[in-house]
PDB file of N, CA and C in Angstrom:
ATOM      1  N   UNK A   1       0.843  -1.157   0.000  1.00  0.00           N
ATOM      2  CA  UNK A   1       0.000   0.000   0.000  1.00  0.00           C
ATOM      3  C   UNK A   1       0.899   1.234   0.000  1.00  0.00           C
ATOM      4  N   UNK A   2       0.667   2.202  -0.908  1.00  0.00           N
ATOM      5  CA  UNK A   2       1.503   3.395  -0.937  1.00  0.00           C
ATOM      6  C   UNK A   2       1.269   4.249   0.298  1.00  0.00           C
ATOM      7  N   UNK A   3       2.328   4.909   0.720  1.00  0.00           N
ATOM      8  CA  UNK A   3       2.228   5.791   1.882  1.00  0.00           C
ATOM      9  C   UNK A   3       1.496   7.064   1.496  1.00  0.00           C
ATOM     10  N   UNK A   4       0.711   7.566   2.411  1.00  0.00           N
ATOM     11  CA  UNK A   4       0.025   8.829   2.164  1.00  0.00           C
ATOM     12  C   UNK A   4       1.025   9.966   2.301  1.00  0.00           C
ATOM     13  N   UNK A   5       0.838  11.061   1.547  1.00  0.00           N
ATOM     14  CA  UNK A   5       1.761  12.195   1.671  1.00  0.00           C
ATOM     15  C   UNK A   5       1.869  12.657   3.113  1.00  0.00           C
ATOM     16  N   UNK A   6       3.101  12.911   3.535  1.00  0.00           N
ATOM     17  CA  UNK A   6       3.336  13.399   4.885  1.00  0.00           C
ATOM     18  C   UNK A   6       3.412  12.303   5.938  1.00  0.00           C
ATOM     19  N   UNK A   7       3.257  11.048   5.553  1.00  0.00           N
ATOM     20  CA  UNK A   7       3.325   9.948   6.510  1.00  0.00           C
ATOM     21  C   UNK A   7       4.512   9.075   6.184  1.00  0.00           C
ATOM     22  N   UNK A   8       5.079   8.463   7.195  1.00  0.00           N
ATOM     23  CA  UNK A   8       6.194   7.534   7.002  1.00  0.00           C
ATOM     24  C   UNK A   8       5.658   6.172   6.587  1.00  0.00           C
ATOM     25  N   UNK A   9       6.431   5.433   5.764  1.00  0.00           N
ATOM     26  CA  UNK A   9       5.997   4.075   5.424  1.00  0.00           C
ATOM     27  C   UNK A   9       6.065   3.189   6.660  1.00  0.00           C
ATOM     28  N   UNK A  10       5.338   2.084   6.653  1.00  0.00           N
ATOM     29  CA  UNK A  10       5.400   1.160   7.793  1.00  0.00           C
ATOM     30  C   UNK A  10       6.838   0.729   8.062  1.00  0.00           C
ATOM     31  N   UNK A  11       7.134   0.418   9.298  1.00  0.00           N
ATOM     32  CA  UNK A  11       8.505   0.089   9.710  1.00  0.00           C
ATOM     33  C   UNK A  11       9.102  -1.046   8.900  1.00  0.00           C
ATOM     34  N   UNK A  12       8.288  -2.044   8.529  1.00  0.00           N
ATOM     35  CA  UNK A  12       8.856  -3.179   7.800  1.00  0.00           C
ATOM     36  C   UNK A  12       9.343  -2.789   6.413  1.00  0.00           C
ATOM     37  N   UNK A  13       8.928  -1.636   5.879  1.00  0.00           N
ATOM     38  CA  UNK A  13       9.362  -1.189   4.559  1.00  0.00           C
ATOM     39  C   UNK A  13      10.480  -0.150   4.608  1.00  0.00           C
ATOM     40  N   UNK A  14      10.780   0.384   5.755  1.00  0.00           N
ATOM     41  CA  UNK A  14      11.834   1.395   5.841  1.00  0.00           C
ATOM     42  C   UNK A  14      13.187   0.767   5.561  1.00  0.00           C
ATOM     43  N   UNK A  15      13.922   1.335   4.630  1.00  0.00           N
ATOM     44  CA  UNK A  15      15.240   0.843   4.280  1.00  0.00           C
ATOM     45  C   UNK A  15      15.225  -0.334   3.317  1.00  0.00           C
ATOM     46  N   UNK A  16      14.050  -0.770   2.909  1.00  0.00           N
ATOM     47  CA  UNK A  16      13.963  -1.896   1.977  1.00  0.00           C
ATOM     48  C   UNK A  16      14.265  -1.416   0.567  1.00  0.00           C
ATOM     49  N   UNK A  17      14.892  -2.265  -0.206  1.00  0.00           N
ATOM     50  CA  UNK A  17      15.138  -1.955  -1.610  1.00  0.00           C
ATOM     51  C   UNK A  17      14.023  -2.579  -2.439  1.00  0.00           C
ATOM     52  N   UNK A  18      13.884  -2.143  -3.679  1.00  0.00           N
ATOM     53  CA  UNK A  18      12.761  -2.583  -4.515  1.00  0.00           C
ATOM     54  C   UNK A  18      12.689  -4.094  -4.634  1.00  0.00           C
ATOM     55  N   UNK A  19      13.854  -4.777  -4.769  1.00  0.00           N
ATOM     56  CA  UNK A  19      13.826  -6.228  -4.911  1.00  0.00           C
ATOM     57  C   UNK A  19      13.200  -6.915  -3.708  1.00  0.00           C
ATOM     58  N   UNK A  20      13.335  -6.312  -2.544  1.00  0.00           N
ATOM     59  CA  UNK A  20      12.759  -6.906  -1.340  1.00  0.00           C
ATOM     60  C   UNK A  20      11.235  -6.823  -1.339  1.00  0.00           C
ATOM     61  N   UNK A  21      10.689  -5.922  -2.140  1.00  0.00           N
ATOM     62  CA  UNK A  21       9.255  -5.701  -2.133  1.00  0.00           C
ATOM     63  C   UNK A  21       8.532  -6.433  -3.258  1.00  0.00           C
ATOM     64  N   UNK A  22       9.266  -7.051  -4.172  1.00  0.00           N
ATOM     65  CA  UNK A  22       8.632  -7.786  -5.256  1.00  0.00           C
ATOM     66  C   UNK A  22       7.919  -9.001  -4.677  1.00  0.00           C
ATOM     67  N   UNK A  23       6.641  -9.175  -4.992  1.00  0.00           N
ATOM     68  CA  UNK A  23       5.924 -10.336  -4.456  1.00  0.00           C
ATOM     69  C   UNK A  23       6.376 -11.634  -5.119  1.00  0.00           C
ATOM     70  N   UNK A  24       6.180 -12.714  -4.412  1.00  0.00           N
ATOM     71  CA  UNK A  24       6.406 -14.030  -4.996  1.00  0.00           C
ATOM     72  C   UNK A  24       5.243 -14.316  -5.947  1.00  0.00           C
ATOM     73  N   UNK A  25       5.572 -14.888  -7.097  1.00  0.00           N
ATOM     74  CA  UNK A  25       4.563 -15.130  -8.126  1.00  0.00           C
ATOM     75  C   UNK A  25       4.652 -16.574  -8.584  1.00  0.00           C
ATOM     76  N   UNK A  26       3.515 -17.210  -8.759  1.00  0.00           N
ATOM     77  CA  UNK A  26       3.463 -18.542  -9.356  1.00  0.00           C
ATOM     78  C   UNK A  26       2.626 -18.405 -10.628  1.00  0.00           C
ATOM     79  N   UNK A  27       3.209 -18.840 -11.744  1.00  0.00           N
ATOM     80  CA  UNK A  27       2.531 -18.794 -13.032  1.00  0.00           C
ATOM     81  C   UNK A  27       2.205 -20.226 -13.430  1.00  0.00           C
ATOM     82  N   UNK A  28       0.933 -20.474 -13.708  1.00  0.00           N
ATOM     83  CA  UNK A  28       0.499 -21.795 -14.126  1.00  0.00           C
ATOM     84  C   UNK A  28       0.229 -21.736 -15.627  1.00  0.00           C
ATOM     85  N   UNK A  29       0.948 -22.579 -16.368  1.00  0.00           N
ATOM     86  CA  UNK A  29       0.805 -22.644 -17.815  1.00  0.00           C
ATOM     87  C   UNK A  29       0.157 -23.973 -18.164  1.00  0.00           C
ATOM     88  N   UNK A  30      -0.931 -23.906 -18.909  1.00  0.00           N
ATOM     89  CA  UNK A  30      -1.650 -25.117 -19.299  1.00  0.00           C
ATOM     90  C   UNK A  30      -1.180 -25.572 -20.676  1.00  0.00           C
ATOM     91  N   UNK A  31      -1.088 -26.880 -20.855  1.00  0.00           N
ATOM     92  CA  UNK A  31      -0.715 -27.459 -22.141  1.00  0.00           C
ATOM     93  C   UNK A  31      -1.659 -28.600 -22.466  1.00  0.00           C
ATOM     94  N   UNK A  32      -2.049 -28.663 -23.744  1.00  0.00           N
ATOM     95  CA  UNK A  32      -2.779 -29.808 -24.259  1.00  0.00           C
ATOM     96  C   UNK A  32      -2.448 -29.938 -25.739  1.00  0.00           C
ATOM     97  N   UNK A  33      -1.616 -30.910 -26.049  1.00  0.00           N
ATOM     98  CA  UNK A  33      -1.240 -31.200 -27.432  1.00  0.00           C
ATOM     99  C   UNK A  33      -0.730 -29.967 -28.188  1.00  0.00           C
ATOM    100  N   UNK A  34       0.075 -29.156 -27.536  1.00  0.00           N
ATOM    101  CA  UNK A  34       0.543 -27.927 -28.204  1.00  0.00           C
ATOM    102  C   UNK A  34       1.940 -27.533 -27.727  1.00  0.00           C
ATOM    103  N   UNK A  35       2.904 -28.400 -27.933  1.00  0.00           N
ATOM    104  CA  UNK A  35       4.257 -28.147 -27.452  1.00  0.00           C
ATOM    105  C   UNK A  35       4.840 -26.857 -28.016  1.00  0.00           C
ATOM    106  N   UNK A  36       4.588 -26.574 -29.283  1.00  0.00           N
ATOM    107  CA  UNK A  36       5.189 -25.394 -29.903  1.00  0.00           C
ATOM    108  C   UNK A  36       4.703 -24.108 -29.239  1.00  0.00           C
ATOM    109  N   UNK A  37       3.384 -23.971 -29.044  1.00  0.00           N
ATOM    110  CA  UNK A  37       2.844 -22.768 -28.409  1.00  0.00           C
ATOM    111  C   UNK A  37       3.280 -22.667 -26.953  1.00  0.00           C
ATOM    112  N   UNK A  38       3.242 -23.792 -26.266  1.00  0.00           N
ATOM    113  CA  UNK A  38       3.622 -23.786 -24.856  1.00  0.00           C
ATOM    114  C   UNK A  38       5.099 -23.456 -24.704  1.00  0.00           C
ATOM    115  N   UNK A  39       5.930 -23.961 -25.598  1.00  0.00           N
ATOM    116  CA  UNK A  39       7.356 -23.635 -25.554  1.00  0.00           C
ATOM    117  C   UNK A  39       7.571 -22.131 -25.705  1.00  0.00           C
ATOM    118  N   UNK A  40       6.865 -21.515 -26.634  1.00  0.00           N
ATOM    119  CA  UNK A  40       6.986 -20.064 -26.822  1.00  0.00           C
ATOM    120  C   UNK A  40       6.572 -19.318 -25.553  1.00  0.00           C
ATOM    121  N   UNK A  41       5.527 -19.768 -24.909  1.00  0.00           N
ATOM    122  CA  UNK A  41       5.058 -19.147 -23.677  1.00  0.00           C
ATOM    123  C   UNK A  41       6.112 -19.269 -22.574  1.00  0.00           C
ATOM    124  N   UNK A  42       6.655 -20.465 -22.390  1.00  0.00           N
ATOM    125  CA  UNK A  42       7.652 -20.689 -21.338  1.00  0.00           C
ATOM    126  C   UNK A  42       8.937 -19.907 -21.611  1.00  0.00           C
ATOM    127  N   UNK A  43       9.338 -19.809 -22.869  1.00  0.00           N
ATOM    128  CA  UNK A  43      10.526 -19.008 -23.213  1.00  0.00           C
ATOM    129  C   UNK A  43      10.286 -17.532 -22.928  1.00  0.00           C
ATOM    130  N   UNK A  44       9.092 -17.044 -23.217  1.00  0.00           N
ATOM    131  CA  UNK A  44       8.768 -15.643 -22.935  1.00  0.00           C
ATOM    132  C   UNK A  44       8.790 -15.370 -21.434  1.00  0.00           C
ATOM    133  N   UNK A  45       8.274 -16.306 -20.644  1.00  0.00           N
ATOM    134  CA  UNK A  45       8.317 -16.137 -19.187  1.00  0.00           C
ATOM    135  C   UNK A  45       9.755 -16.130 -18.677  1.00  0.00           C
ATOM    136  N   UNK A  46      10.598 -16.984 -19.242  1.00  0.00           N
ATOM    137  CA  UNK A  46      12.000 -17.039 -18.821  1.00  0.00           C
ATOM    138  C   UNK A  46      12.751 -15.773 -19.184  1.00  0.00           C
ATOM    139  N   UNK A  47      12.292 -15.069 -20.204  1.00  0.00           N
ATOM    140  CA  UNK A  47      12.980 -13.862 -20.665  1.00  0.00           C
ATOM    141  C   UNK A  47      12.566 -12.601 -19.905  1.00  0.00           C
ATOM    142  N   UNK A  48      11.608 -12.698 -19.006  1.00  0.00           N
ATOM    143  CA  UNK A  48      11.184 -11.512 -18.272  1.00  0.00           C
ATOM    144  C   UNK A  48      12.275 -11.054 -17.316  1.00  0.00           C
ATOM    145  N   UNK A  49      12.195  -9.825 -16.907  1.00  0.00           N
ATOM    146  CA  UNK A  49      13.181  -9.268 -15.981  1.00  0.00           C
ATOM    147  C   UNK A  49      12.756  -9.416 -14.526  1.00  0.00           C
ATOM    148  N   UNK A  50      11.688 -10.137 -14.275  1.00  0.00           N
ATOM    149  CA  UNK A  50      11.236 -10.355 -12.906  1.00  0.00           C
ATOM    150  C   UNK A  50      12.277 -11.200 -12.178  1.00  0.00           C
ATOM    151  N   UNK A  51      12.570 -10.905 -10.920  1.00  0.00           N
ATOM    152  CA  UNK A  51      13.591 -11.677 -10.197  1.00  0.00           C
ATOM    153  C   UNK A  51      13.299 -13.180 -10.194  1.00  0.00           C
ATOM    154  N   UNK A  52      14.236 -13.954 -10.686  1.00  0.00           N
ATOM    155  CA  UNK A  52      14.046 -15.400 -10.836  1.00  0.00           C
ATOM    156  C   UNK A  52      13.765 -16.093  -9.507  1.00  0.00           C
ATOM    157  N   UNK A  53      14.301 -15.562  -8.414  1.00  0.00           N
ATOM    158  CA  UNK A  53      14.076 -16.195  -7.116  1.00  0.00           C
ATOM    159  C   UNK A  53      12.701 -15.866  -6.535  1.00  0.00           C
ATOM    160  N   UNK A  54      11.908 -15.090  -7.256  1.00  0.00           N
ATOM    161  CA  UNK A  54      10.584 -14.707  -6.780  1.00  0.00           C
ATOM    162  C   UNK A  54       9.460 -15.236  -7.666  1.00  0.00           C
ATOM    163  N   UNK A  55       9.815 -16.091  -8.629  1.00  0.00           N
ATOM    164  CA  UNK A  55       8.786 -16.605  -9.534  1.00  0.00           C
ATOM    165  C   UNK A  55       8.933 -18.117  -9.690  1.00  0.00           C
ATOM    166  N   UNK A  56       7.798 -18.794  -9.741  1.00  0.00           N
ATOM    167  CA  UNK A  56       7.780 -20.228 -10.000  1.00  0.00           C
ATOM    168  C   UNK A  56       6.821 -20.457 -11.160  1.00  0.00           C
ATOM    169  N   UNK A  57       7.266 -21.220 -12.137  1.00  0.00           N
ATOM    170  CA  UNK A  57       6.418 -21.578 -13.272  1.00  0.00           C
ATOM    171  C   UNK A  57       6.058 -23.047 -13.132  1.00  0.00           C
ATOM    172  N   UNK A  58       4.772 -23.323 -13.230  1.00  0.00           N
ATOM    173  CA  UNK A  58       4.266 -24.689 -13.129  1.00  0.00           C
ATOM    174  C   UNK A  58       3.576 -25.020 -14.449  1.00  0.00           C
ATOM    175  N   UNK A  59       3.996 -26.106 -15.061  1.00  0.00           N
ATOM    176  CA  UNK A  59       3.386 -26.568 -16.295  1.00  0.00           C
ATOM    177  C   UNK A  59       2.367 -27.645 -15.957  1.00  0.00           C
ATOM    178  N   UNK A  60       1.125 -27.426 -16.357  1.00  0.00           N
ATOM    179  CA  UNK A  60       0.056 -28.400 -16.126  1.00  0.00           C
ATOM    180  C   UNK A  60      -0.348 -28.956 -17.482  1.00  0.00           C
ATOM    181  N   UNK A  61      -0.189 -30.257 -17.651  1.00  0.00           N
ATOM    182  CA  UNK A  61      -0.573 -30.898 -18.897  1.00  0.00           C
ATOM    183  C   UNK A  61      -1.938 -31.538 -18.723  1.00  0.00           C
ATOM    184  N   UNK A  62      -2.790 -31.295 -19.693  1.00  0.00           N
ATOM    185  CA  UNK A  62      -4.177 -31.756 -19.613  1.00  0.00           C
ATOM    186  C   UNK A  62      -4.395 -33.017 -20.443  1.00  0.00           C
ATOM    187  N   UNK A  63      -3.522 -34.012 -20.248  1.00  0.00           N
ATOM    188  CA  UNK A  63      -3.698 -35.303 -20.905  1.00  0.00           C
ATOM    189  C   UNK A  63      -3.271 -35.327 -22.361  1.00  0.00           C
ATOM    190  N   UNK A  64      -2.210 -34.638 -22.702  1.00  0.00           N
ATOM    191  CA  UNK A  64      -1.732 -34.632 -24.092  1.00  0.00           C
ATOM    192  C   UNK A  64      -1.418 -36.045 -24.563  1.00  0.00           C
ATOM    193  N   UNK A  65      -1.730 -36.301 -25.828  1.00  0.00           N
ATOM    194  CA  UNK A  65      -1.458 -37.612 -26.409  1.00  0.00           C
ATOM    195  C   UNK A  65      -0.528 -37.515 -27.617  1.00  0.00           C
ATOM    196  N   UNK A  66      -0.005 -36.329 -27.883  1.00  0.00           N
ATOM    197  CA  UNK A  66       0.834 -36.110 -29.060  1.00  0.00           C
ATOM    198  C   UNK A  66       2.326 -36.080 -28.746  1.00  0.00           C
ATOM    199  N   UNK A  67       2.705 -36.409 -27.515  1.00  0.00           N
ATOM    200  CA  UNK A  67       4.111 -36.377 -27.130  1.00  0.00           C
ATOM    201  C   UNK A  67       4.609 -35.008 -26.712  1.00  0.00           C
ATOM    202  N   UNK A  68       3.710 -34.024 -26.657  1.00  0.00           N
ATOM    203  CA  UNK A  68       4.147 -32.662 -26.316  1.00  0.00           C
ATOM    204  C   UNK A  68       4.690 -32.569 -24.895  1.00  0.00           C
ATOM    205  N   UNK A  69       4.117 -33.295 -23.958  1.00  0.00           N
ATOM    206  CA  UNK A  69       4.609 -33.232 -22.580  1.00  0.00           C
ATOM    207  C   UNK A  69       6.047 -33.734 -22.503  1.00  0.00           C
ATOM    208  N   UNK A  70       6.355 -34.808 -23.188  1.00  0.00           N
ATOM    209  CA  UNK A  70       7.716 -35.338 -23.177  1.00  0.00           C
ATOM    210  C   UNK A  70       8.701 -34.340 -23.791  1.00  0.00           C
ATOM    211  N   UNK A  71       8.294 -33.694 -24.901  1.00  0.00           N
ATOM    212  CA  UNK A  71       9.168 -32.684 -25.517  1.00  0.00           C
ATOM    213  C   UNK A  71       9.383 -31.500 -24.590  1.00  0.00           C
ATOM    214  N   UNK A  72       8.334 -31.049 -23.928  1.00  0.00           N
ATOM    215  CA  UNK A  72       8.467 -29.917 -23.006  1.00  0.00           C
ATOM    216  C   UNK A  72       9.363 -30.274 -21.830  1.00  0.00           C
ATOM    217  N   UNK A  73       9.256 -31.488 -21.339  1.00  0.00           N
ATOM    218  CA  UNK A  73      10.156 -31.923 -20.253  1.00  0.00           C
ATOM    219  C   UNK A  73      11.606 -31.942 -20.718  1.00  0.00           C
ATOM    220  N   UNK A  74      11.837 -32.331 -21.977  1.00  0.00           N
ATOM    221  CA  UNK A  74      13.202 -32.311 -22.524  1.00  0.00           C
ATOM    222  C   UNK A  74      13.722 -30.886 -22.658  1.00  0.00           C
ATOM    223  N   UNK A  75      12.875 -29.985 -23.145  1.00  0.00           N
ATOM    224  CA  UNK A  75      13.285 -28.597 -23.372  1.00  0.00           C
ATOM    225  C   UNK A  75      13.455 -27.822 -22.067  1.00  0.00           C
ATOM    226  N   UNK A  76      12.652 -28.147 -21.061  1.00  0.00           N
ATOM    227  CA  UNK A  76      12.664 -27.420 -19.782  1.00  0.00           C
ATOM    228  C   UNK A  76      12.785 -28.434 -18.634  1.00  0.00           C
ATOM    229  N   UNK A  77      13.956 -29.020 -18.462  1.00  0.00           N
ATOM    230  CA  UNK A  77      14.104 -30.102 -17.469  1.00  0.00           C
ATOM    231  C   UNK A  77      13.888 -29.656 -16.015  1.00  0.00           C
ATOM    232  N   UNK A  78      14.031 -28.373 -15.725  1.00  0.00           N
ATOM    233  CA  UNK A  78      13.921 -27.914 -14.348  1.00  0.00           C
ATOM    234  C   UNK A  78      12.518 -27.429 -13.975  1.00  0.00           C
ATOM    235  N   UNK A  79      11.615 -27.427 -14.932  1.00  0.00           N
ATOM    236  CA  UNK A  79      10.278 -26.891 -14.656  1.00  0.00           C
ATOM    237  C   UNK A  79       9.456 -27.901 -13.865  1.00  0.00           C
ATOM    238  N   UNK A  80       8.629 -27.386 -12.994  1.00  0.00           N
ATOM    239  CA  UNK A  80       7.714 -28.243 -12.219  1.00  0.00           C
ATOM    240  C   UNK A  80       6.551 -28.625 -13.128  1.00  0.00           C
ATOM    241  N   UNK A  81       6.249 -29.919 -13.209  1.00  0.00           N
ATOM    242  CA  UNK A  81       5.190 -30.420 -14.097  1.00  0.00           C
ATOM    243  C   UNK A  81       4.130 -31.128 -13.283  1.00  0.00           C
ATOM    244  N   UNK A  82       2.879 -30.821 -13.604  1.00  0.00           N
ATOM    245  CA  UNK A  82       1.740 -31.548 -13.063  1.00  0.00           C
ATOM    246  C   UNK A  82       1.050 -32.169 -14.260  1.00  0.00           C
ATOM    247  N   UNK A  83       1.081 -33.486 -14.336  1.00  0.00           N
ATOM    248  CA  UNK A  83       0.476 -34.178 -15.483  1.00  0.00           C
ATOM    249  C   UNK A  83      -0.922 -34.661 -15.137  1.00  0.00           C
TER     250      UNK A  83
END
């Protein structure tokens, strides 16, 4: 919450730098038989300037039968997957 003019910020925010105030974010990406589109999405998320230690990307596969989940796991071995 922004401080009102003429008031001090709450004590927990005094002396904090911007990186300390970035919220933790979890992004859920859905996939169903579309490795190419999902790959583009995951690459775009990886290219953001948001602090990497404050974001988690979770790939949720909705029962793909075209091998896209296996390809995505190969391309992004460190991503959390929910099949």
